[in-house]
Amino acid sequence: MAEAGIQGEGRVARRQRRNRAALIKAAREIMTEKGAEAATMLEIAERADVGAGTIYNYFRSKDELAIAVLEGLMHDLGVSIQAVTDRFEDPAQVYAFGIRTVLDAATGDPRWRQMLHRSEVIADALFRMMGPFAIRDLRQASAAGRFRAEDAELTWRLTCHALIGASLAITEGQLSPAESERIVARLLCMAGLDLASATELAGRPRPPLPGR
């Protein structure tokens, strides 16, 4: 009897994971098609083939679901960045490419832009979802003598908040998109580079991401 109960819990857990994944996938598709503001929980539930009321067992609001979508986009972006930077010889360039690519995504992708007003939440999501890539890159560049980031985790956390703040300022017209390279240079200074070296690094040509 106990074994049957465990098996039953396993089936429930699997169904819950499938439903949650289906909802995120449907939300990502619909928000890509028409934007987060225009998407409704009802049409997301219908496309995911989940009951209209059931969706709230997984996400308390559309905002929470949109954040889950953005977390998936962040992870996918981290994987794409790694696919490009695996062939870079300079570990500092790996990190610089990553933060510039995040800045471009946050200011250029409507699915990011629509969530920037939740800056603290988005910065925290960025820290968690792309942290495994960025913290590793910071440590490798520091070990190679290119950076002086004594606390890579803290450096990345501060960088996340600065990145999202700068992205919000660009999308609201407080900063020009032309300032992106200078913003990246200043963020690289947080990793222990002098401004001249950071400016040179931020200005290096960037190969396109896969599929772009």
C-alpha atoms as a PDB file:
ATOM      1  CA  MET A   1       0.000   0.000   0.000  1.00  0.00           C
ATOM      2  CA  ALA A   2       2.825   2.390   0.871  1.00  0.00           C
ATOM      3  CA  GLU A   3       4.541   1.607  -2.423  1.00  0.00           C
ATOM      4  CA  ALA A   4       1.348   2.373  -4.357  1.00  0.00           C
ATOM      5  CA  GLY A   5       1.150   5.715  -2.584  1.00  0.00           C
ATOM      6  CA  ILE A   6       4.697   6.582  -3.621  1.00  0.00           C
ATOM      7  CA  GLN A   7       3.945   5.578  -7.187  1.00  0.00           C
ATOM      8  CA  GLY A   8       0.809   7.718  -7.129  1.00  0.00           C
ATOM      9  CA  GLU A   9       2.786  10.704  -5.886  1.00  0.00           C
ATOM     10  CA  GLY A  10       5.257  10.138  -8.690  1.00  0.00           C
ATOM     11  CA  ARG A  11       2.520  10.291 -11.300  1.00  0.00           C
ATOM     12  CA  VAL A  12       1.107  13.456  -9.767  1.00  0.00           C
ATOM     13  CA  ALA A  13       4.536  15.066  -9.712  1.00  0.00           C
ATOM     14  CA  ARG A  14       5.129  14.104 -13.338  1.00  0.00           C
ATOM     15  CA  ARG A  15       1.760  15.534 -14.373  1.00  0.00           C
ATOM     16  CA  GLN A  16       2.477  18.745 -12.491  1.00  0.00           C
ATOM     17  CA  ARG A  17       5.849  19.121 -14.195  1.00  0.00           C
ATOM     18  CA  ARG A  18       4.276  18.504 -17.605  1.00  0.00           C
ATOM     19  CA  ASN A  19       1.507  21.015 -16.944  1.00  0.00           C
ATOM     20  CA  ARG A  20       3.933  23.652 -15.715  1.00  0.00           C
ATOM     21  CA  ALA A  21       6.222  23.147 -18.707  1.00  0.00           C
ATOM     22  CA  ALA A  22       3.240  23.275 -21.085  1.00  0.00           C
ATOM     23  CA  LEU A  23       2.031  26.533 -19.538  1.00  0.00           C
ATOM     24  CA  ILE A  24       5.459  28.150 -19.819  1.00  0.00           C
ATOM     25  CA  LYS A  25       5.794  26.979 -23.426  1.00  0.00           C
ATOM     26  CA  ALA A  26       2.345  28.293 -24.332  1.00  0.00           C
ATOM     27  CA  ALA A  27       2.990  31.600 -22.570  1.00  0.00           C
ATOM     28  CA  ARG A  28       6.315  31.986 -24.348  1.00  0.00           C
ATOM     29  CA  GLU A  29       4.665  31.411 -27.731  1.00  0.00           C
ATOM     30  CA  ILE A  30       1.752  33.768 -27.102  1.00  0.00           C
ATOM     31  CA  MET A  31       3.885  36.491 -25.521  1.00  0.00           C
ATOM     32  CA  THR A  32       6.215  36.278 -28.507  1.00  0.00           C
ATOM     33  CA  GLU A  33       3.265  36.591 -30.888  1.00  0.00           C
ATOM     34  CA  LYS A  34       1.395  39.446 -29.227  1.00  0.00           C
ATOM     35  CA  GLY A  35       3.316  40.670 -26.186  1.00  0.00           C
ATOM     36  CA  ALA A  36       2.911  40.025 -22.480  1.00  0.00           C
ATOM     37  CA  GLU A  37       0.336  42.767 -21.993  1.00  0.00           C
ATOM     38  CA  ALA A  38      -2.028  41.395 -24.646  1.00  0.00           C
ATOM     39  CA  ALA A  39      -1.678  37.747 -23.605  1.00  0.00           C
ATOM     40  CA  THR A  40      -4.385  36.386 -21.310  1.00  0.00           C
ATOM     41  CA  MET A  41      -4.253  33.565 -18.815  1.00  0.00           C
ATOM     42  CA  LEU A  42      -7.272  31.962 -20.490  1.00  0.00           C
ATOM     43  CA  GLU A  43      -5.676  31.675 -23.926  1.00  0.00           C
ATOM     44  CA  ILE A  44      -2.425  30.460 -22.369  1.00  0.00           C
ATOM     45  CA  ALA A  45      -4.322  27.735 -20.504  1.00  0.00           C
ATOM     46  CA  GLU A  46      -6.216  26.765 -23.656  1.00  0.00           C
ATOM     47  CA  ARG A  47      -3.063  26.459 -25.745  1.00  0.00           C
ATOM     48  CA  ALA A  48      -1.389  24.430 -22.999  1.00  0.00           C
ATOM     49  CA  ASP A  49      -4.504  22.226 -22.777  1.00  0.00           C
ATOM     50  CA  VAL A  50      -4.786  22.975 -19.065  1.00  0.00           C
ATOM     51  CA  GLY A  51      -7.972  23.931 -17.251  1.00  0.00           C
ATOM     52  CA  ALA A  52      -8.538  27.674 -16.987  1.00  0.00           C
ATOM     53  CA  GLY A  53      -8.716  27.482 -13.203  1.00  0.00           C
ATOM     54  CA  THR A  54      -5.843  25.033 -12.917  1.00  0.00           C
ATOM     55  CA  ILE A  55      -3.326  27.544 -14.247  1.00  0.00           C
ATOM     56  CA  TYR A  56      -3.504  29.404 -10.936  1.00  0.00           C
ATOM     57  CA  ASN A  57      -2.282  26.302  -9.122  1.00  0.00           C
ATOM     58  CA  TYR A  58       1.036  26.886 -10.876  1.00  0.00           C
ATOM     59  CA  PHE A  59       1.229  30.662 -11.285  1.00  0.00           C
ATOM     60  CA  ARG A  60      -0.550  33.178  -9.091  1.00  0.00           C
ATOM     61  CA  SER A  61      -0.625  35.826 -11.807  1.00  0.00           C
ATOM     62  CA  LYS A  62       0.293  36.521 -15.412  1.00  0.00           C
ATOM     63  CA  ASP A  63       3.235  38.538 -14.118  1.00  0.00           C
ATOM     64  CA  GLU A  64       4.596  35.487 -12.322  1.00  0.00           C
ATOM     65  CA  LEU A  65       4.162  33.383 -15.455  1.00  0.00           C
ATOM     66  CA  ALA A  66       5.907  36.040 -17.553  1.00  0.00           C
ATOM     67  CA  ILE A  67       8.866  35.905 -15.164  1.00  0.00           C
ATOM     68  CA  ALA A  68       9.034  32.123 -15.611  1.00  0.00           C
ATOM     69  CA  VAL A  69       9.092  32.665 -19.376  1.00  0.00           C
ATOM     70  CA  LEU A  70      11.879  35.207 -18.999  1.00  0.00           C
ATOM     71  CA  GLU A  71      13.885  32.823 -16.818  1.00  0.00           C
ATOM     72  CA  GLY A  72      13.751  30.288 -19.646  1.00  0.00           C
ATOM     73  CA  LEU A  73      14.884  32.927 -22.126  1.00  0.00           C
ATOM     74  CA  MET A  74      17.773  33.832 -19.834  1.00  0.00           C
ATOM     75  CA  HIS A  75      18.922  30.236 -19.596  1.00  0.00           C
ATOM     76  CA  ASP A  76      18.684  29.768 -23.359  1.00  0.00           C
ATOM     77  CA  LEU A  77      20.667  32.965 -23.878  1.00  0.00           C
ATOM     78  CA  GLY A  78      23.369  31.702 -21.530  1.00  0.00           C
ATOM     79  CA  VAL A  79      23.654  28.496 -23.557  1.00  0.00           C
ATOM     80  CA  SER A  80      23.874  30.486 -26.814  1.00  0.00           C
ATOM     81  CA  ILE A  81      26.553  32.763 -25.369  1.00  0.00           C
ATOM     82  CA  GLN A  82      28.583  29.746 -24.313  1.00  0.00           C
ATOM     83  CA  ALA A  83      28.311  28.249 -27.813  1.00  0.00           C
ATOM     84  CA  VAL A  84      29.959  31.394 -29.204  1.00  0.00           C
ATOM     85  CA  THR A  85      32.514  32.068 -26.483  1.00  0.00           C
ATOM     86  CA  ASP A  86      33.828  28.503 -26.209  1.00  0.00           C
ATOM     87  CA  ARG A  87      36.261  29.409 -28.987  1.00  0.00           C
ATOM     88  CA  PHE A  88      37.468  32.665 -27.395  1.00  0.00           C
ATOM     89  CA  GLU A  89      41.058  32.579 -26.148  1.00  0.00           C
ATOM     90  CA  ASP A  90      40.750  35.534 -23.765  1.00  0.00           C
ATOM     91  CA  PRO A  91      38.636  34.595 -20.710  1.00  0.00           C
ATOM     92  CA  ALA A  92      37.903  38.271 -20.069  1.00  0.00           C
ATOM     93  CA  GLN A  93      36.369  38.545 -23.541  1.00  0.00           C
ATOM     94  CA  VAL A  94      34.038  35.675 -22.683  1.00  0.00           C
ATOM     95  CA  TYR A  95      32.571  37.639 -19.783  1.00  0.00           C
ATOM     96  CA  ALA A  96      32.489  40.919 -21.718  1.00  0.00           C
ATOM     97  CA  PHE A  97      30.636  39.283 -24.602  1.00  0.00           C
ATOM     98  CA  GLY A  98      28.130  37.840 -22.156  1.00  0.00           C
ATOM     99  CA  ILE A  99      27.196  41.067 -20.421  1.00  0.00           C
ATOM    100  CA  ARG A 100      26.946  42.996 -23.702  1.00  0.00           C
ATOM    101  CA  THR A 101      24.692  40.280 -25.120  1.00  0.00           C
ATOM    102  CA  VAL A 102      22.470  40.441 -22.038  1.00  0.00           C
ATOM    103  CA  LEU A 103      22.251  44.231 -22.357  1.00  0.00           C
ATOM    104  CA  ASP A 104      21.250  43.916 -26.015  1.00  0.00           C
ATOM    105  CA  ALA A 105      18.614  41.286 -25.191  1.00  0.00           C
ATOM    106  CA  ALA A 106      17.153  43.293 -22.315  1.00  0.00           C
ATOM    107  CA  THR A 107      16.802  46.417 -24.453  1.00  0.00           C
ATOM    108  CA  GLY A 108      15.943  44.772 -27.770  1.00  0.00           C
ATOM    109  CA  ASP A 109      13.700  41.799 -26.997  1.00  0.00           C
ATOM    110  CA  PRO A 110      10.099  42.856 -26.210  1.00  0.00           C
ATOM    111  CA  ARG A 111       9.714  39.897 -23.838  1.00  0.00           C
ATOM    112  CA  TRP A 112      12.538  41.332 -21.721  1.00  0.00           C
ATOM    113  CA  ARG A 113      11.587  44.988 -22.117  1.00  0.00           C
ATOM    114  CA  GLN A 114       8.043  44.469 -20.879  1.00  0.00           C
ATOM    115  CA  MET A 115       9.335  43.097 -17.569  1.00  0.00           C
ATOM    116  CA  LEU A 116      12.064  45.645 -16.824  1.00  0.00           C
ATOM    117  CA  HIS A 117       9.740  47.624 -14.543  1.00  0.00           C
ATOM    118  CA  ARG A 118      10.081  44.684 -12.134  1.00  0.00           C
ATOM    119  CA  SER A 119      13.775  45.492 -11.927  1.00  0.00           C
ATOM    120  CA  GLU A 120      14.558  43.824  -8.590  1.00  0.00           C
ATOM    121  CA  VAL A 121      12.759  40.614  -9.571  1.00  0.00           C
ATOM    122  CA  ILE A 122      14.376  40.523 -13.012  1.00  0.00           C
ATOM    123  CA  ALA A 123      17.846  41.227 -11.608  1.00  0.00           C
ATOM    124  CA  ASP A 124      17.391  38.348  -9.163  1.00  0.00           C
ATOM    125  CA  ALA A 125      16.247  36.046 -11.980  1.00  0.00           C
ATOM    126  CA  LEU A 126      19.259  37.080 -14.050  1.00  0.00           C
ATOM    127  CA  PHE A 127      21.567  36.360 -11.125  1.00  0.00           C
ATOM    128  CA  ARG A 128      20.129  32.871 -10.701  1.00  0.00           C
ATOM    129  CA  MET A 129      19.642  31.807 -14.309  1.00  0.00           C
ATOM    130  CA  MET A 130      22.881  33.121 -15.816  1.00  0.00           C
ATOM    131  CA  GLY A 131      24.976  33.015 -12.668  1.00  0.00           C
ATOM    132  CA  PRO A 132      26.429  29.549 -13.359  1.00  0.00           C
ATOM    133  CA  PHE A 133      27.877  30.896 -16.615  1.00  0.00           C
ATOM    134  CA  ALA A 134      28.908  34.379 -15.477  1.00  0.00           C
ATOM    135  CA  ILE A 135      30.417  33.429 -12.110  1.00  0.00           C
ATOM    136  CA  ARG A 136      32.441  30.690 -13.789  1.00  0.00           C
ATOM    137  CA  ASP A 137      33.681  33.181 -16.407  1.00  0.00           C
ATOM    138  CA  LEU A 138      34.622  35.734 -13.751  1.00  0.00           C
ATOM    139  CA  ARG A 139      36.603  33.141 -11.828  1.00  0.00           C
ATOM    140  CA  GLN A 140      38.407  31.887 -14.910  1.00  0.00           C
ATOM    141  CA  ALA A 141      39.332  35.411 -16.001  1.00  0.00           C
ATOM    142  CA  SER A 142      40.545  36.210 -12.479  1.00  0.00           C
ATOM    143  CA  ALA A 143      42.618  33.018 -12.349  1.00  0.00           C
ATOM    144  CA  ALA A 144      44.197  34.024 -15.665  1.00  0.00           C
ATOM    145  CA  GLY A 145      45.115  37.426 -14.238  1.00  0.00           C
ATOM    146  CA  ARG A 146      42.747  39.347 -16.523  1.00  0.00           C
ATOM    147  CA  PHE A 147      40.291  40.344 -13.778  1.00  0.00           C
ATOM    148  CA  ARG A 148      40.658  41.054 -10.078  1.00  0.00           C
ATOM    149  CA  ALA A 149      37.262  39.852  -8.899  1.00  0.00           C
ATOM    150  CA  GLU A 150      37.953  38.567  -5.390  1.00  0.00           C
ATOM    151  CA  ASP A 151      34.287  37.688  -4.869  1.00  0.00           C
ATOM    152  CA  ALA A 152      32.890  36.552  -8.223  1.00  0.00           C
ATOM    153  CA  GLU A 153      29.418  35.905  -6.841  1.00  0.00           C
ATOM    154  CA  LEU A 154      29.111  39.397  -5.358  1.00  0.00           C
ATOM    155  CA  THR A 155      30.521  40.970  -8.521  1.00  0.00           C
ATOM    156  CA  TRP A 156      27.916  39.185 -10.625  1.00  0.00           C
ATOM    157  CA  ARG A 157      25.075  40.113  -8.269  1.00  0.00           C
ATOM    158  CA  LEU A 158      25.998  43.801  -8.427  1.00  0.00           C
ATOM    159  CA  THR A 159      26.435  43.569 -12.190  1.00  0.00           C
ATOM    160  CA  CYS A 160      22.946  42.090 -12.592  1.00  0.00           C
ATOM    161  CA  HIS A 161      21.323  45.041 -10.843  1.00  0.00           C
ATOM    162  CA  ALA A 162      23.442  47.516 -12.806  1.00  0.00           C
ATOM    163  CA  LEU A 163      22.629  45.763 -16.093  1.00  0.00           C
ATOM    164  CA  ILE A 164      18.887  45.811 -15.492  1.00  0.00           C
ATOM    165  CA  GLY A 165      19.015  49.412 -14.282  1.00  0.00           C
ATOM    166  CA  ALA A 166      20.921  50.497 -17.382  1.00  0.00           C
ATOM    167  CA  SER A 167      18.549  48.528 -19.615  1.00  0.00           C
ATOM    168  CA  LEU A 168      15.541  50.227 -18.047  1.00  0.00           C
ATOM    169  CA  ALA A 169      17.174  53.639 -18.500  1.00  0.00           C
ATOM    170  CA  ILE A 170      17.769  52.894 -22.191  1.00  0.00           C
ATOM    171  CA  THR A 171      14.222  51.677 -22.828  1.00  0.00           C
ATOM    172  CA  GLU A 172      12.783  54.724 -21.057  1.00  0.00           C
ATOM    173  CA  GLY A 173      14.935  57.115 -23.075  1.00  0.00           C
ATOM    174  CA  GLN A 174      17.083  58.254 -20.157  1.00  0.00           C
ATOM    175  CA  LEU A 175      20.170  56.792 -21.827  1.00  0.00           C
ATOM    176  CA  SER A 176      20.914  56.407 -25.519  1.00  0.00           C
ATOM    177  CA  PRO A 177      21.465  52.911 -26.964  1.00  0.00           C
ATOM    178  CA  ALA A 178      24.712  54.383 -28.284  1.00  0.00           C
ATOM    179  CA  GLU A 179      25.922  54.358 -24.674  1.00  0.00           C
ATOM    180  CA  SER A 180      25.856  50.538 -24.551  1.00  0.00           C
ATOM    181  CA  GLU A 181      29.571  50.101 -25.153  1.00  0.00           C
ATOM    182  CA  ARG A 182      30.431  52.628 -22.451  1.00  0.00           C
ATOM    183  CA  ILE A 183      28.023  50.922 -20.045  1.00  0.00           C
ATOM    184  CA  VAL A 184      29.700  47.567 -20.644  1.00  0.00           C
ATOM    185  CA  ALA A 185      33.133  49.122 -20.072  1.00  0.00           C
ATOM    186  CA  ARG A 186      32.008  50.488 -16.703  1.00  0.00           C
ATOM    187  CA  LEU A 187      30.596  47.098 -15.745  1.00  0.00           C
ATOM    188  CA  LEU A 188      33.910  45.477 -16.642  1.00  0.00           C
ATOM    189  CA  CYS A 189      35.621  47.897 -14.266  1.00  0.00           C
ATOM    190  CA  MET A 190      33.580  46.242 -11.503  1.00  0.00           C
ATOM    191  CA  ALA A 191      35.549  43.065 -12.265  1.00  0.00           C
ATOM    192  CA  GLY A 192      38.809  44.880 -11.582  1.00  0.00           C
ATOM    193  CA  LEU A 193      39.839  46.195 -15.004  1.00  0.00           C
ATOM    194  CA  ASP A 194      41.127  49.718 -15.492  1.00  0.00           C
ATOM    195  CA  LEU A 195      38.927  51.905 -17.686  1.00  0.00           C
ATOM    196  CA  ALA A 196      41.252  51.878 -20.704  1.00  0.00           C
ATOM    197  CA  SER A 197      41.448  48.069 -20.752  1.00  0.00           C
ATOM    198  CA  ALA A 198      37.710  47.780 -20.145  1.00  0.00           C
ATOM    199  CA  THR A 199      36.950  50.176 -23.000  1.00  0.00           C
ATOM    200  CA  GLU A 200      39.141  48.200 -25.394  1.00  0.00           C
ATOM    201  CA  LEU A 201      37.513  44.944 -24.339  1.00  0.00           C
ATOM    202  CA  ALA A 202      33.979  46.321 -24.639  1.00  0.00           C
ATOM    203  CA  GLY A 203      34.703  47.568 -28.151  1.00  0.00           C
ATOM    204  CA  ARG A 204      35.906  44.291 -29.619  1.00  0.00           C
ATOM    205  CA  PRO A 205      33.894  42.858 -32.545  1.00  0.00           C
ATOM    206  CA  ARG A 206      31.222  40.394 -31.475  1.00  0.00           C
ATOM    207  CA  PRO A 207      30.302  37.348 -33.557  1.00  0.00           C
ATOM    208  CA  PRO A 208      26.577  36.642 -33.926  1.00  0.00           C
ATOM    209  CA  LEU A 209      24.740  34.199 -31.709  1.00  0.00           C
ATOM    210  CA  PRO A 210      23.693  30.861 -33.235  1.00  0.00           C
ATOM    211  CA  GLY A 211      20.627  31.266 -35.412  1.00  0.00           C
ATOM    212  CA  ARG A 212      20.864  35.069 -35.509  1.00  0.00           C
END
